[in-house]
Amino acid sequence: GSGGGNTNARESKAKQLAATMIRLVHQNLYRPTILTLFPLVLQLIPLDLVSSWFQHPILPPSRALRRCQIGCSRLFFDRLTFGNYENIAMSGGRVLNSSRGSTEQSIDGSKGSSCGSLLVSNLHKIGLTSETNPEFRLVLASQSPRRREILDMMGLAGRYSAEPSPLNEQILQEELSSRKDISPPEYARILAERKAHAMGEKLLTEQCNGVDVNSVTFILGSDTIVDLGGHIMEKPVDERDAFEMLQKLSGNWHEVHTGVAVYGVGVKGSPEEKFQLMFSFTDTARVKFADLSETDVRSYIASKEPMDKAGSYGIQGIGGQLVETLAGDFFTVMGLPMHKLSKELSKAINSRGLKQNREER
């Protein structure tokens, strides 16, 4: 009947959208707007298959597909209900309430407002050079390729600079490890704060020496640690250390803590506000390793991937094969909790904008 016709028409439209999405992804034309194609596509696939494809840590080999997979997992599985999928797809990412006519809500369910709650609404305010006259600059106090990749996926590619913090991490790690009153989540947060603070002091020195900093500069520091029953695992010192870590993680649950801190340099106001902590937090994810054979462990170590990673594995690479189950934010394990960072950065940007407007009046 007419119901069957509507279903066929919807499935036909979904197949067209799926074909378009796959073509764009394979051409490496990943954009957030591609995510709006997924709702209708998902109606054609059994829910259990969709869930396992999005949540399983072993990702497709294609870099573009992996990015699209991760982005969709965050946006749709964590924040939306399946009942809203078709409306979201057809309204460009907004949830339209048909019973109220023109009433519109944002994707997180909040009423529309002049200030976006996520960084995507403020990307245009962040830049690198004075030629673009950015309101804010962003410096990543790290050379981690994983963190740079996450920032790029957030739309910040070409909008930030990255350099290692001048902090002597080893001395601080030894100091914090000797203190029994500091929990693993606090350990990660303090390291992140100190990294960002050390970079901020360096920028202030450069400013005093004639390096002009016209924009407010946000310095992002982060640190990721693996926590096995309260025992902190940092990066391995050698292959033997990596082997011991992986054997301990084999078959067990552990926690991954990523501390994040952002300092502001050049903030308008009183002298003590020129350099201040804007926010800091620790996000935690729980990870379950499969039972690993000695051959698996030695073969993984032979790939050299574990040697520069906390806990001796990288979930975004070959090490994803070691992970059986993940509870929490994939990006927290990778090195930066994307959603929470997006919210906090946006909040910091919006608060500075409101304060500057009041000062100008």
Protein backbone atom coordinates (compact mmCIF):
# COMPACT_ATOMS: atom_id res chain seq x y z
CA GLY A 1 0.00 0.00 0.00
CA SER A 2 0.96 3.63 0.43
CA GLY A 3 2.99 2.74 3.54
CA GLY A 4 5.14 0.37 1.52
CA GLY A 5 5.62 3.03 -1.13
CA ASN A 6 6.82 5.53 1.46
CA THR A 7 9.24 2.96 2.86
CA ASN A 8 10.64 2.18 -0.58
CA ALA A 9 11.03 5.88 -1.35
CA ARG A 10 12.84 6.45 1.94
CA GLU A 11 15.16 3.51 1.35
CA SER A 12 15.89 4.71 -2.17
CA LYS A 13 16.78 8.16 -0.84
CA ALA A 14 18.98 6.61 1.86
CA LYS A 15 20.84 4.54 -0.72
CA GLN A 16 21.51 7.67 -2.77
CA LEU A 17 22.83 9.47 0.32
CA ALA A 18 24.97 6.46 1.23
CA ALA A 19 26.53 6.39 -2.23
CA THR A 20 27.30 10.12 -2.02
CA MET A 21 28.77 9.76 1.47
CA ILE A 22 31.03 6.86 0.50
CA ARG A 23 32.27 8.70 -2.59
CA LEU A 24 33.15 11.82 -0.57
CA VAL A 25 34.88 9.81 2.15
CA HIS A 26 36.99 7.84 -0.29
CA GLN A 27 38.01 11.10 -1.95
CA ASN A 28 39.22 12.32 1.45
CA LEU A 29 36.64 15.11 1.41
CA TYR A 30 35.69 14.51 5.04
CA ARG A 31 33.61 17.34 6.45
CA PRO A 32 31.25 17.50 9.45
CA THR A 33 28.33 17.96 7.03
CA ILE A 34 28.88 14.42 5.77
CA LEU A 35 27.69 13.24 9.17
CA THR A 36 24.18 14.41 8.35
CA LEU A 37 24.00 11.68 5.70
CA PHE A 38 24.30 8.90 8.26
CA PRO A 39 20.82 9.00 9.87
CA LEU A 40 18.97 7.70 6.82
CA VAL A 41 21.77 5.31 5.95
CA LEU A 42 21.58 3.76 9.41
CA GLN A 43 17.92 2.85 8.85
CA LEU A 44 19.04 0.30 6.25
CA ILE A 45 21.45 -1.55 8.57
CA PRO A 46 20.58 -3.71 11.61
CA LEU A 47 21.24 -1.82 14.82
CA ASP A 48 23.56 -4.46 16.27
CA LEU A 49 25.81 -4.30 13.21
CA VAL A 50 25.85 -0.49 13.24
CA SER A 51 26.68 -0.41 16.94
CA SER A 52 29.55 -2.88 16.62
CA TRP A 53 30.96 -1.06 13.57
CA PHE A 54 30.99 2.30 15.31
CA GLN A 55 32.13 1.20 18.75
CA HIS A 56 34.68 -1.49 17.94
CA PRO A 57 38.24 -0.20 18.45
CA ILE A 58 39.60 -1.98 15.37
CA LEU A 59 39.09 0.71 12.77
CA PRO A 60 38.93 0.52 8.96
CA PRO A 61 42.31 0.85 7.22
CA SER A 62 41.29 3.94 5.29
CA ARG A 63 42.30 7.09 7.15
CA ALA A 64 39.28 8.95 5.82
CA LEU A 65 36.89 6.18 6.80
CA ARG A 66 38.42 6.08 10.28
CA ARG A 67 37.90 9.80 10.73
CA CYS A 68 34.32 9.58 9.53
CA GLN A 69 33.66 6.58 11.77
CA ILE A 70 35.04 8.30 14.86
CA GLY A 71 33.18 11.54 14.18
CA CYS A 72 29.87 9.79 13.64
CA SER A 73 30.33 7.71 16.76
CA ARG A 74 30.74 10.85 18.89
CA LEU A 75 28.02 12.91 17.27
CA PHE A 76 25.26 10.37 16.85
CA PHE A 77 25.75 7.50 19.29
CA ASP A 78 26.66 9.68 22.26
CA ARG A 79 24.30 12.61 21.77
CA LEU A 80 21.20 11.75 19.74
CA THR A 81 18.27 9.34 19.76
CA PHE A 82 17.41 7.12 16.80
CA GLY A 83 13.94 8.66 16.60
CA ASN A 84 15.37 12.00 15.49
CA TYR A 85 17.61 10.69 12.72
CA GLU A 86 15.46 11.51 9.69
CA ASN A 87 14.64 15.04 10.86
CA ILE A 88 18.28 15.72 11.66
CA ALA A 89 19.44 14.56 8.24
CA MET A 90 16.90 16.64 6.37
CA SER A 91 17.43 19.78 8.47
CA GLY A 92 21.23 19.99 8.21
CA GLY A 93 21.92 18.79 11.74
CA ARG A 94 19.09 20.55 13.56
CA VAL A 95 16.24 18.84 15.36
CA LEU A 96 12.95 20.30 14.18
CA ASN A 97 9.88 19.92 16.36
CA SER A 98 7.02 19.64 13.86
CA SER A 99 4.34 19.90 16.53
CA ARG A 100 5.46 23.43 17.37
CA GLY A 101 5.92 24.74 13.89
CA SER A 102 9.02 26.94 13.88
CA THR A 103 10.40 25.85 17.24
CA GLU A 104 14.01 24.78 16.73
CA GLN A 105 16.55 23.12 18.97
CA SER A 106 20.24 22.66 18.54
CA ILE A 107 21.72 19.20 18.18
CA ASP A 108 22.34 18.94 21.93
CA GLY A 109 18.71 19.74 22.69
CA SER A 110 19.28 23.31 23.86
CA LYS A 111 17.37 26.31 22.54
CA GLY A 112 19.04 28.30 19.80
CA SER A 113 21.31 31.07 21.15
CA SER A 114 23.77 33.64 19.90
CA CYS A 115 26.73 31.75 21.39
CA GLY A 116 27.39 28.18 20.34
CA SER A 117 28.22 25.72 23.08
CA LEU A 118 30.77 23.83 20.95
CA LEU A 119 34.01 24.93 19.34
CA VAL A 120 32.59 24.40 15.85
CA SER A 121 30.63 27.64 16.37
CA ASN A 122 33.82 29.57 17.21
CA LEU A 123 36.37 28.19 14.76
CA HIS A 124 36.36 31.46 12.79
CA LYS A 125 37.69 33.31 15.85
CA ILE A 126 40.88 31.22 16.04
CA GLY A 127 43.83 31.79 13.71
CA LEU A 128 47.60 31.91 13.39
CA THR A 129 48.65 35.17 11.78
CA SER A 130 47.90 38.84 12.27
CA GLU A 131 46.86 39.03 8.60
CA THR A 132 43.66 37.16 9.42
CA ASN A 133 43.17 39.32 12.54
CA PRO A 134 42.16 36.41 14.78
CA GLU A 135 40.59 37.11 18.15
CA PHE A 136 42.36 34.11 19.63
CA ARG A 137 45.51 32.11 18.99
CA LEU A 138 45.93 28.49 20.06
CA VAL A 139 49.23 26.85 20.95
CA LEU A 140 49.41 23.11 21.56
CA ALA A 141 52.16 22.53 24.11
CA SER A 142 52.97 19.14 22.64
CA GLN A 143 54.45 17.49 19.58
CA SER A 144 52.16 14.48 19.87
CA PRO A 145 50.93 13.50 16.38
CA ARG A 146 47.79 11.99 17.95
CA ARG A 147 46.79 15.25 19.58
CA ARG A 148 47.49 17.20 16.41
CA GLU A 149 45.33 14.75 14.48
CA ILE A 150 42.45 15.23 16.92
CA LEU A 151 42.71 19.04 16.71
CA ASP A 152 42.75 18.77 12.92
CA MET A 153 39.62 16.62 13.02
CA MET A 154 37.96 19.30 15.15
CA GLY A 155 38.40 21.77 12.28
CA LEU A 156 41.49 23.48 13.69
CA ALA A 157 43.90 22.41 10.93
CA GLY A 158 46.02 25.44 10.00
CA ARG A 159 44.59 27.46 12.90
CA TYR A 160 47.03 26.51 15.68
CA SER A 161 50.74 26.04 16.28
CA ALA A 162 52.42 23.19 18.15
CA GLU A 163 55.69 23.00 20.01
CA PRO A 164 56.84 20.95 23.00
CA SER A 165 56.49 22.46 26.44
CA PRO A 166 59.81 23.49 28.06
CA LEU A 167 58.71 21.65 31.21
CA ASN A 168 61.07 18.94 32.47
CA GLU A 169 58.43 16.21 32.65
CA GLN A 170 60.65 13.53 34.14
CA ILE A 171 61.43 15.55 37.27
CA LEU A 172 57.77 16.40 37.79
CA GLN A 173 56.66 12.80 37.17
CA GLU A 174 59.10 11.55 39.80
CA GLU A 175 57.89 14.17 42.25
CA LEU A 176 54.20 13.36 41.71
CA SER A 177 54.79 9.60 41.79
CA SER A 178 56.35 9.89 45.24
CA ARG A 179 53.25 11.59 46.65
CA LYS A 180 50.63 9.22 48.02
CA ASP A 181 47.98 11.96 48.26
CA ILE A 182 47.71 12.38 44.48
CA SER A 183 45.35 10.09 42.60
CA PRO A 184 46.01 9.06 38.98
CA PRO A 185 43.36 11.50 37.59
CA GLU A 186 44.94 14.34 39.60
CA TYR A 187 48.38 13.26 38.39
CA ALA A 188 47.30 13.64 34.74
CA ARG A 189 45.62 17.00 35.36
CA ILE A 190 48.59 18.47 37.23
CA LEU A 191 50.98 17.40 34.47
CA ALA A 192 48.72 19.03 31.88
CA GLU A 193 48.54 22.25 33.89
CA ARG A 194 52.31 22.41 34.38
CA LYS A 195 52.98 21.81 30.67
CA ALA A 196 50.65 24.64 29.67
CA HIS A 197 51.98 26.93 32.42
CA ALA A 198 55.60 26.43 31.36
CA MET A 199 54.70 27.25 27.76
CA GLY A 200 52.77 30.32 28.89
CA GLU A 201 55.77 31.64 30.80
CA LYS A 202 57.88 31.17 27.68
CA LEU A 203 55.40 33.17 25.59
CA LEU A 204 55.28 35.95 28.18
CA THR A 205 59.09 36.17 28.08
CA GLU A 206 59.00 36.40 24.28
CA GLN A 207 56.36 39.13 24.52
CA CYS A 208 58.55 41.13 26.92
CA ASN A 209 61.45 40.73 24.47
CA GLY A 210 59.51 42.34 21.66
CA VAL A 211 57.47 39.48 20.22
CA ASP A 212 54.06 41.06 19.78
CA VAL A 213 51.07 39.05 20.92
CA ASN A 214 47.97 41.03 19.94
CA SER A 215 45.44 38.27 20.34
CA VAL A 216 44.52 36.34 23.43
CA THR A 217 46.59 33.16 23.23
CA PHE A 218 45.28 29.90 24.61
CA ILE A 219 47.95 27.36 25.55
CA LEU A 220 46.71 23.79 25.55
CA GLY A 221 48.54 21.26 27.69
CA SER A 222 47.60 17.60 27.98
CA ASP A 223 48.87 14.35 29.45
CA THR A 224 47.59 10.79 29.09
CA ILE A 225 48.34 7.96 31.49
CA VAL A 226 47.24 4.35 31.87
CA ASP A 227 46.02 3.35 35.31
CA LEU A 228 46.00 -0.36 36.22
CA GLY A 229 44.53 -0.72 39.68
CA GLY A 230 46.04 2.56 40.86
CA HIS A 231 49.44 1.85 39.30
CA ILE A 232 50.35 4.55 36.75
CA MET A 233 51.84 3.44 33.45
CA GLU A 234 53.65 6.11 31.46
CA LYS A 235 55.63 5.55 28.25
CA PRO A 236 57.93 2.50 28.32
CA VAL A 237 61.64 3.11 28.80
CA ASP A 238 62.59 0.16 26.59
CA GLU A 239 61.13 -2.95 24.92
CA ARG A 240 61.40 -5.02 28.08
CA ASP A 241 59.38 -2.40 29.96
CA ALA A 242 56.78 -2.41 27.16
CA PHE A 243 56.55 -6.22 27.31
CA GLU A 244 55.93 -6.16 31.06
CA MET A 245 53.24 -3.48 30.74
CA LEU A 246 51.36 -5.32 27.99
CA GLN A 247 51.49 -8.60 29.89
CA LYS A 248 49.96 -6.89 32.93
CA LEU A 249 47.22 -5.31 30.81
CA SER A 250 46.42 -8.59 29.02
CA GLY A 251 42.91 -9.83 29.83
CA ASN A 252 42.27 -6.99 32.31
CA TRP A 253 40.31 -3.77 32.58
CA HIS A 254 42.28 -0.58 33.07
CA GLU A 255 41.56 3.14 33.05
CA VAL A 256 43.01 5.78 30.76
CA HIS A 257 43.12 9.31 32.20
CA THR A 258 43.74 12.32 29.96
CA GLY A 259 44.37 15.58 31.76
CA VAL A 260 43.68 18.80 29.87
CA ALA A 261 44.54 22.37 30.82
CA VAL A 262 44.31 25.68 28.99
CA TYR A 263 46.07 28.86 30.11
CA GLY A 264 45.29 32.26 28.63
CA VAL A 265 48.07 34.72 27.76
CA GLY A 266 47.34 38.34 26.91
CA VAL A 267 43.97 38.37 28.64
CA LYS A 268 42.72 41.92 29.09
CA GLY A 269 42.19 43.19 32.60
CA SER A 270 44.34 43.58 35.69
CA PRO A 271 48.01 42.50 35.60
CA GLU A 272 47.25 39.22 37.36
CA GLU A 273 44.77 38.40 34.59
CA LYS A 274 47.40 38.65 31.85
CA PHE A 275 48.25 34.99 32.38
CA GLN A 276 45.66 32.75 33.98
CA LEU A 277 44.32 29.22 34.05
CA MET A 278 41.14 29.21 31.96
CA PHE A 279 40.14 25.63 32.78
CA SER A 280 41.51 22.17 33.54
CA PHE A 281 39.97 18.72 33.90
CA THR A 282 40.64 15.00 33.61
CA ASP A 283 38.52 12.70 31.48
CA THR A 284 38.59 8.94 32.07
CA ALA A 285 37.78 5.97 29.85
CA ARG A 286 37.78 2.27 30.79
CA VAL A 287 39.47 -0.21 28.47
CA LYS A 288 39.39 -4.02 28.47
CA PHE A 289 42.29 -5.86 26.83
CA ALA A 290 41.88 -9.26 25.20
CA ASP A 291 43.94 -12.17 26.47
CA LEU A 292 47.23 -11.73 24.62
CA SER A 293 49.64 -14.49 23.74
CA GLU A 294 53.36 -13.89 24.12
CA THR A 295 53.65 -14.00 20.32
CA ASP A 296 51.03 -11.25 20.00
CA VAL A 297 52.84 -9.05 22.52
CA ARG A 298 56.29 -9.52 20.99
CA SER A 299 54.96 -8.98 17.46
CA TYR A 300 53.27 -5.75 18.52
CA ILE A 301 56.45 -4.50 20.20
CA ALA A 302 58.38 -5.35 17.03
CA SER A 303 56.18 -2.84 15.18
CA LYS A 304 57.76 -0.10 17.39
CA GLU A 305 54.34 1.49 17.88
CA PRO A 306 54.25 1.00 21.69
CA MET A 307 57.49 2.81 22.41
CA ASP A 308 56.16 6.40 22.59
CA LYS A 309 52.77 5.70 24.13
CA ALA A 310 51.46 5.58 27.68
CA GLY A 311 50.76 2.02 28.68
CA SER A 312 52.72 0.81 25.63
CA TYR A 313 49.82 0.83 23.18
CA GLY A 314 47.96 3.13 20.79
CA ILE A 315 44.26 2.43 20.32
CA GLN A 316 44.17 4.42 17.07
CA GLY A 317 46.76 2.20 15.40
CA ILE A 318 47.87 -1.42 15.45
CA GLY A 319 47.21 -1.47 19.19
CA GLY A 320 43.48 -1.25 18.53
CA GLN A 321 43.62 -4.99 17.91
CA LEU A 322 44.50 -5.56 21.56
CA VAL A 323 41.36 -3.82 22.82
CA GLU A 324 38.30 -5.96 23.41
CA THR A 325 35.92 -3.39 24.93
CA LEU A 326 35.90 0.37 25.49
CA ALA A 327 33.69 2.35 27.89
CA GLY A 328 34.06 6.10 27.50
CA ASP A 329 35.42 8.55 24.96
CA PHE A 330 37.63 6.97 22.28
CA PHE A 331 39.48 10.29 21.94
CA THR A 332 40.37 10.28 25.65
CA VAL A 333 42.33 7.08 25.05
CA MET A 334 43.83 8.54 21.88
CA GLY A 335 45.08 11.64 23.71
CA LEU A 336 42.45 14.43 23.83
CA PRO A 337 38.77 14.13 24.83
CA MET A 338 37.28 15.89 21.80
CA HIS A 339 33.77 16.68 23.01
CA LYS A 340 34.71 17.96 26.46
CA LEU A 341 37.60 20.01 25.07
CA SER A 342 35.26 21.49 22.46
CA LYS A 343 32.78 22.56 25.14
CA GLU A 344 35.39 24.05 27.47
CA LEU A 345 37.26 25.93 24.74
CA SER A 346 34.01 27.35 23.42
CA LYS A 347 33.04 28.42 26.93
CA ALA A 348 36.41 30.16 27.38
CA ILE A 349 36.07 31.95 24.04
CA ASN A 350 32.52 33.06 24.75
CA SER A 351 33.39 34.30 28.24
CA ARG A 352 36.27 36.39 26.86
CA GLY A 353 34.01 37.83 24.18
CA LEU A 354 31.37 38.85 26.71
CA LYS A 355 33.98 40.43 29.00
CA GLN A 356 35.59 42.38 26.15
CA ASN A 357 32.19 43.69 25.04
CA ARG A 358 31.52 44.97 28.57
CA GLU A 359 34.95 46.65 28.69
CA GLU A 360 34.38 48.37 25.33
CA ARG A 361 31.09 49.84 26.57
